Amino acid sequence: MQADRQGIVLFVVSILNYHREVEPVIAYFRKRGYATHVLIGWVGADADRAIEHYLSLGCQIHRVPDSHA
């Protein structure tokens, strides 16, 4: 992916509904070459699908420990 800017961004995605709202913003930053980190704050099949999607965009994924999600 060609970067026209350099930078690092972090998104904290705490619930499924926020994932649905913020995904276009995350994709925007990735397409512009930003190193994009996503912290996922919930567990379950929907969280796993969100993680797969963000990985496919090239994001670095971080997870809140299950005991805190």
N, C-alpha and C. Protein backbone atom coordinates (compact mmCIF):
# COMPACT_ATOMS: atom_id res chain seq x y z
N MET A 1 0.84 -1.17 0.00
CA MET A 1 0.00 0.00 0.00
C MET A 1 0.89 1.24 0.00
N GLN A 2 0.67 2.13 -0.91
CA GLN A 2 1.49 3.33 -1.03
C GLN A 2 1.04 4.39 -0.02
N ALA A 3 1.98 4.92 0.70
CA ALA A 3 1.64 5.92 1.73
C ALA A 3 1.88 7.32 1.18
N ASP A 4 0.88 8.18 1.34
CA ASP A 4 1.11 9.58 1.00
C ASP A 4 1.31 10.40 2.27
N ARG A 5 1.18 9.76 3.40
CA ARG A 5 1.43 10.38 4.70
C ARG A 5 2.02 9.32 5.61
N GLN A 6 2.74 9.77 6.60
CA GLN A 6 3.24 8.84 7.59
C GLN A 6 2.60 9.18 8.91
N GLY A 7 2.24 8.17 9.63
CA GLY A 7 1.66 8.39 10.94
C GLY A 7 1.14 7.10 11.52
N ILE A 8 0.78 7.18 12.74
CA ILE A 8 0.23 6.03 13.46
C ILE A 8 -1.07 6.47 14.09
N VAL A 9 -2.10 5.64 13.95
CA VAL A 9 -3.38 5.93 14.58
C VAL A 9 -3.83 4.70 15.37
N LEU A 10 -4.57 4.95 16.43
CA LEU A 10 -5.13 3.90 17.27
C LEU A 10 -6.62 4.13 17.40
N PHE A 11 -7.39 3.09 17.12
CA PHE A 11 -8.83 3.12 17.33
C PHE A 11 -9.18 2.12 18.41
N VAL A 12 -9.99 2.54 19.36
CA VAL A 12 -10.50 1.66 20.41
C VAL A 12 -11.93 1.34 20.03
N VAL A 13 -12.16 0.09 19.66
CA VAL A 13 -13.47 -0.36 19.19
C VAL A 13 -14.04 -1.27 20.27
N SER A 14 -14.89 -0.68 21.10
CA SER A 14 -15.31 -1.37 22.32
C SER A 14 -16.54 -2.25 22.15
N ILE A 15 -17.37 -1.97 21.15
CA ILE A 15 -18.59 -2.76 20.95
C ILE A 15 -18.88 -2.92 19.46
N LEU A 16 -19.72 -3.88 19.14
CA LEU A 16 -20.05 -4.17 17.74
C LEU A 16 -20.62 -2.96 17.03
N ASN A 17 -21.53 -2.24 17.64
CA ASN A 17 -22.13 -1.10 16.95
C ASN A 17 -21.10 -0.03 16.62
N TYR A 18 -20.12 0.17 17.47
CA TYR A 18 -19.07 1.15 17.16
C TYR A 18 -18.22 0.65 16.00
N HIS A 19 -17.96 -0.65 15.94
CA HIS A 19 -17.22 -1.23 14.81
C HIS A 19 -17.94 -0.87 13.50
N ARG A 20 -19.24 -1.02 13.49
CA ARG A 20 -20.00 -0.71 12.27
C ARG A 20 -19.88 0.76 11.89
N GLU A 21 -19.83 1.63 12.88
CA GLU A 21 -19.75 3.06 12.61
C GLU A 21 -18.35 3.52 12.20
N VAL A 22 -17.33 2.95 12.83
CA VAL A 22 -15.97 3.46 12.65
C VAL A 22 -15.20 2.75 11.53
N GLU A 23 -15.69 1.64 11.03
CA GLU A 23 -14.95 0.88 10.02
C GLU A 23 -14.59 1.73 8.81
N PRO A 24 -15.48 2.57 8.28
CA PRO A 24 -15.07 3.39 7.13
C PRO A 24 -13.94 4.37 7.46
N VAL A 25 -13.90 4.84 8.68
CA VAL A 25 -12.83 5.76 9.09
C VAL A 25 -11.51 5.01 9.17
N ILE A 26 -11.55 3.81 9.73
CA ILE A 26 -10.34 2.99 9.81
C ILE A 26 -9.83 2.67 8.41
N ALA A 27 -10.73 2.29 7.51
CA ALA A 27 -10.34 1.98 6.13
C ALA A 27 -9.73 3.22 5.46
N TYR A 28 -10.27 4.40 5.73
CA TYR A 28 -9.75 5.65 5.19
C TYR A 28 -8.28 5.84 5.57
N PHE A 29 -7.97 5.65 6.85
CA PHE A 29 -6.58 5.82 7.30
C PHE A 29 -5.67 4.77 6.70
N ARG A 30 -6.13 3.53 6.62
CA ARG A 30 -5.28 2.48 6.04
C ARG A 30 -4.99 2.78 4.58
N LYS A 31 -5.99 3.20 3.84
CA LYS A 31 -5.80 3.48 2.41
C LYS A 31 -4.80 4.60 2.18
N ARG A 32 -4.63 5.44 3.18
CA ARG A 32 -3.67 6.54 3.07
C ARG A 32 -2.32 6.20 3.67
N GLY A 33 -2.15 4.95 4.04
CA GLY A 33 -0.83 4.48 4.45
C GLY A 33 -0.49 4.63 5.91
N TYR A 34 -1.44 5.00 6.73
CA TYR A 34 -1.16 5.13 8.16
C TYR A 34 -1.00 3.74 8.78
N ALA A 35 -0.06 3.62 9.70
CA ALA A 35 0.03 2.41 10.53
C ALA A 35 -1.17 2.47 11.47
N THR A 36 -2.07 1.54 11.31
CA THR A 36 -3.36 1.61 12.00
C THR A 36 -3.49 0.46 12.98
N HIS A 37 -3.66 0.82 14.24
CA HIS A 37 -3.84 -0.16 15.31
C HIS A 37 -5.30 -0.12 15.75
N VAL A 38 -5.85 -1.30 15.98
CA VAL A 38 -7.25 -1.40 16.42
C VAL A 38 -7.28 -2.25 17.69
N LEU A 39 -7.81 -1.68 18.75
CA LEU A 39 -8.00 -2.39 20.01
C LEU A 39 -9.45 -2.86 20.06
N ILE A 40 -9.64 -4.17 20.09
CA ILE A 40 -10.99 -4.75 20.14
C ILE A 40 -11.33 -5.02 21.60
N GLY A 41 -12.49 -4.53 22.04
CA GLY A 41 -12.84 -4.60 23.45
C GLY A 41 -14.01 -5.49 23.78
N TRP A 42 -14.36 -6.41 22.89
CA TRP A 42 -15.43 -7.36 23.22
C TRP A 42 -15.03 -8.72 22.67
N VAL A 43 -15.76 -9.75 23.06
CA VAL A 43 -15.44 -11.12 22.66
C VAL A 43 -16.64 -11.74 21.96
N GLY A 44 -16.37 -12.80 21.23
CA GLY A 44 -17.43 -13.54 20.56
C GLY A 44 -17.20 -13.59 19.06
N ALA A 45 -18.15 -14.22 18.38
CA ALA A 45 -18.04 -14.43 16.95
C ALA A 45 -18.00 -13.11 16.18
N ASP A 46 -18.79 -12.12 16.61
CA ASP A 46 -18.76 -10.82 15.94
C ASP A 46 -17.41 -10.14 16.09
N ALA A 47 -16.81 -10.26 17.25
CA ALA A 47 -15.48 -9.69 17.46
C ALA A 47 -14.47 -10.40 16.56
N ASP A 48 -14.58 -11.71 16.46
CA ASP A 48 -13.66 -12.47 15.61
C ASP A 48 -13.79 -12.04 14.15
N ARG A 49 -15.02 -11.81 13.68
CA ARG A 49 -15.23 -11.36 12.30
C ARG A 49 -14.67 -9.95 12.10
N ALA A 50 -14.85 -9.10 13.08
CA ALA A 50 -14.29 -7.74 12.99
C ALA A 50 -12.77 -7.81 12.89
N ILE A 51 -12.17 -8.65 13.71
CA ILE A 51 -10.72 -8.80 13.69
C ILE A 51 -10.25 -9.28 12.32
N GLU A 52 -10.92 -10.27 11.77
CA GLU A 52 -10.55 -10.77 10.44
C GLU A 52 -10.63 -9.65 9.40
N HIS A 53 -11.66 -8.84 9.49
CA HIS A 53 -11.83 -7.74 8.54
C HIS A 53 -10.69 -6.73 8.69
N TYR A 54 -10.39 -6.32 9.91
CA TYR A 54 -9.33 -5.34 10.11
C TYR A 54 -7.97 -5.90 9.71
N LEU A 55 -7.75 -7.17 9.94
CA LEU A 55 -6.51 -7.79 9.47
C LEU A 55 -6.42 -7.74 7.95
N SER A 56 -7.55 -7.96 7.28
CA SER A 56 -7.55 -7.92 5.81
C SER A 56 -7.24 -6.52 5.28
N LEU A 57 -7.50 -5.50 6.09
CA LEU A 57 -7.15 -4.13 5.72
C LEU A 57 -5.68 -3.81 6.00
N GLY A 58 -5.03 -4.69 6.76
CA GLY A 58 -3.64 -4.46 7.11
C GLY A 58 -3.44 -3.80 8.46
N CYS A 59 -4.47 -3.81 9.28
CA CYS A 59 -4.38 -3.22 10.62
C CYS A 59 -3.65 -4.15 11.57
N GLN A 60 -3.05 -3.58 12.59
CA GLN A 60 -2.50 -4.35 13.69
C GLN A 60 -3.57 -4.43 14.76
N ILE A 61 -3.82 -5.63 15.24
CA ILE A 61 -4.92 -5.89 16.18
C ILE A 61 -4.38 -6.07 17.58
N HIS A 62 -5.11 -5.50 18.52
CA HIS A 62 -4.86 -5.69 19.94
C HIS A 62 -6.20 -6.06 20.56
N ARG A 63 -6.14 -6.91 21.59
CA ARG A 63 -7.39 -7.33 22.23
C ARG A 63 -7.33 -7.06 23.71
N VAL A 64 -8.46 -6.62 24.25
CA VAL A 64 -8.61 -6.54 25.68
C VAL A 64 -8.69 -7.96 26.21
N PRO A 65 -8.02 -8.29 27.30
CA PRO A 65 -8.10 -9.66 27.83
C PRO A 65 -9.58 -10.03 28.06
N ASP A 66 -9.92 -11.27 27.75
CA ASP A 66 -11.30 -11.74 27.89
C ASP A 66 -11.89 -11.43 29.25
N SER A 67 -11.07 -11.48 30.29
CA SER A 67 -11.58 -11.23 31.64
C SER A 67 -12.02 -9.78 31.83
N HIS A 68 -11.62 -8.89 30.92
CA HIS A 68 -11.97 -7.47 31.04
C HIS A 68 -12.94 -7.02 29.95
N ALA A 69 -13.23 -7.91 29.01
CA ALA A 69 -14.10 -7.53 27.87
C ALA A 69 -15.56 -7.60 28.25
